[in-house]
Protein backbone atom coordinates (compact mmCIF):
# COMPACT_ATOMS: atom_id res chain seq x y z
CA MET A 1 -49.13 -24.78 -49.39
CA VAL A 2 -51.07 -27.46 -51.20
CA ASP A 3 -50.65 -30.92 -50.99
CA HIS A 4 -51.65 -33.57 -53.42
CA ALA A 5 -51.94 -36.88 -54.96
CA VAL A 6 -52.74 -37.87 -58.44
CA SER A 7 -54.34 -40.94 -60.24
CA LYS A 8 -56.56 -41.72 -62.68
CA THR A 9 -60.15 -43.33 -63.17
CA GLU A 10 -62.39 -43.63 -66.19
CA LEU A 11 -65.32 -41.83 -66.34
CA GLU A 12 -68.96 -41.22 -67.68
CA GLU A 13 -69.49 -38.64 -70.11
CA ALA A 14 -70.47 -35.17 -68.28
CA PRO A 15 -72.39 -32.15 -68.81
CA MET A 16 -69.72 -30.15 -66.66
CA GLU A 17 -65.77 -30.10 -67.30
CA MET A 18 -64.64 -30.70 -63.71
CA VAL A 19 -66.20 -31.64 -60.69
CA ILE A 20 -64.46 -30.81 -57.08
CA GLY A 21 -65.54 -31.68 -53.49
CA LEU A 22 -64.01 -29.40 -50.45
CA ASP A 23 -64.56 -30.17 -46.80
CA LEU A 24 -63.68 -27.12 -44.77
CA HIS A 25 -61.19 -27.31 -41.42
CA ARG A 26 -60.56 -24.56 -38.88
CA SER A 27 -56.86 -24.85 -39.89
CA GLN A 28 -57.23 -26.02 -43.90
CA ILE A 29 -59.49 -27.01 -46.17
CA THR A 30 -59.13 -30.94 -48.06
CA PHE A 31 -59.85 -31.26 -51.51
CA LYS A 32 -60.71 -33.52 -54.26
CA THR A 33 -60.92 -32.64 -58.07
CA VAL A 34 -62.28 -35.08 -60.89
CA ASP A 35 -61.14 -33.52 -64.75
CA LEU A 36 -63.92 -35.33 -66.43
CA ARG A 37 -62.28 -34.52 -69.71
CA THR A 38 -59.09 -36.68 -68.85
CA GLY A 39 -60.07 -38.86 -66.07
CA GLU A 40 -57.21 -37.47 -63.57
CA VAL A 41 -58.48 -37.05 -59.86
CA GLN A 42 -56.17 -35.00 -57.44
CA ARG A 43 -56.36 -35.26 -53.38
CA GLY A 44 -55.05 -33.13 -51.06
CA ARG A 45 -55.44 -29.92 -49.09
CA ILE A 46 -54.90 -26.24 -48.78
CA TYR A 47 -53.02 -24.68 -45.86
CA PRO A 48 -53.96 -22.44 -44.60
CA GLY A 49 -57.62 -22.52 -44.77
CA ALA A 50 -57.85 -18.95 -45.28
CA ARG A 51 -58.80 -16.45 -48.00
CA GLU A 52 -55.25 -15.66 -49.85
CA ALA A 53 -54.24 -19.78 -49.98
CA VAL A 54 -57.83 -20.70 -51.63
CA ARG A 55 -57.36 -17.43 -53.86
CA GLU A 56 -53.78 -18.98 -54.31
CA TRP A 57 -55.38 -22.16 -55.25
CA LEU A 58 -57.95 -21.52 -57.32
CA ASP A 59 -55.50 -19.91 -59.54
CA ARG A 60 -54.41 -23.70 -61.10
CA PHE A 61 -58.27 -23.13 -62.72
CA GLU A 62 -57.78 -22.29 -66.45
CA PRO A 63 -60.64 -19.70 -67.40
CA GLY A 64 -63.68 -20.85 -68.80
CA THR A 65 -63.28 -24.27 -67.12
CA ASP A 66 -66.69 -24.91 -66.37
CA ALA A 67 -65.55 -26.10 -63.01
CA HIS A 68 -68.39 -26.96 -60.29
CA PHE A 69 -67.46 -27.19 -56.74
CA ALA A 70 -69.49 -28.38 -53.91
CA LEU A 71 -69.35 -27.86 -50.25
CA GLU A 72 -71.25 -27.70 -46.71
CA GLY A 73 -72.50 -25.33 -45.56
CA THR A 74 -70.41 -24.74 -42.32
CA THR A 75 -67.83 -22.29 -40.79
CA GLY A 76 -65.72 -20.35 -43.20
CA TRP A 77 -68.15 -21.14 -46.15
CA ARG A 78 -68.60 -17.71 -47.43
CA PHE A 79 -65.74 -16.54 -48.07
CA VAL A 80 -64.74 -19.61 -49.84
CA VAL A 81 -67.87 -19.15 -52.48
CA GLU A 82 -66.82 -15.46 -52.60
CA GLU A 83 -63.02 -16.78 -53.93
CA ILE A 84 -65.19 -19.58 -56.41
CA GLN A 85 -67.82 -17.27 -57.88
CA ARG A 86 -64.99 -14.07 -58.27
CA ARG A 87 -63.68 -16.39 -60.84
CA ASP A 88 -66.92 -16.96 -62.73
CA LEU A 89 -66.72 -21.34 -61.65
CA THR A 90 -69.42 -22.57 -59.74
CA ALA A 91 -70.31 -22.86 -55.97
CA HIS A 92 -72.41 -26.03 -55.04
CA LEU A 93 -73.63 -25.27 -51.08
CA ALA A 94 -75.16 -28.14 -49.10
CA ASP A 95 -76.86 -27.85 -45.66
CA PRO A 96 -74.99 -29.92 -43.16
CA ALA A 97 -78.41 -30.72 -41.14
CA GLU A 98 -79.96 -32.75 -45.08
CA LEU A 99 -76.58 -34.00 -45.30
CA SER A 100 -76.04 -35.14 -42.02
CA THR A 101 -79.50 -37.33 -42.51
CA LEU A 102 -78.30 -39.15 -45.93
CA ARG A 103 -75.16 -40.26 -43.38
CA GLY A 104 -75.67 -43.65 -42.03
CA PRO A 105 -74.41 -44.80 -38.26
CA ASN A 106 -70.83 -44.15 -38.63
CA GLY A 107 -70.65 -41.01 -40.98
CA GLY A 108 -70.95 -42.73 -44.04
CA PRO A 109 -72.91 -43.20 -46.46
CA ARG A 110 -76.19 -45.08 -45.90
CA PRO A 111 -76.83 -48.46 -47.47
CA THR A 112 -79.28 -48.33 -50.32
CA THR A 113 -80.17 -52.04 -49.62
CA PRO A 114 -81.30 -53.33 -46.17
CA THR A 115 -78.57 -55.10 -44.17
CA ALA A 116 -78.97 -58.16 -41.75
CA SER A 117 -78.95 -57.18 -38.32
């Protein structure tokens, strides 16, 4: 089962056609896709977070689409990357330890400018 919402946004020119962020959890995978050709943004979840559901979800990407997927190297990442690569799409794996240094104290991004204490 895949739940999702769609919105449009203006984008700057980019060399790839689609960018997809995946957040892996034990029971589901949440996603956000940005179609850089149209500006369409989709958010949703892949449930259950299992190989067959990921395969089914990946069917939406036409062969030859230049789609890039970003995900953390957490539990369950290997089969997701295998399925992405099986479709000749591109996976970018991030190291969770390196990402944690980029997050602020509440799990969000760190400010880029100093803030008053």
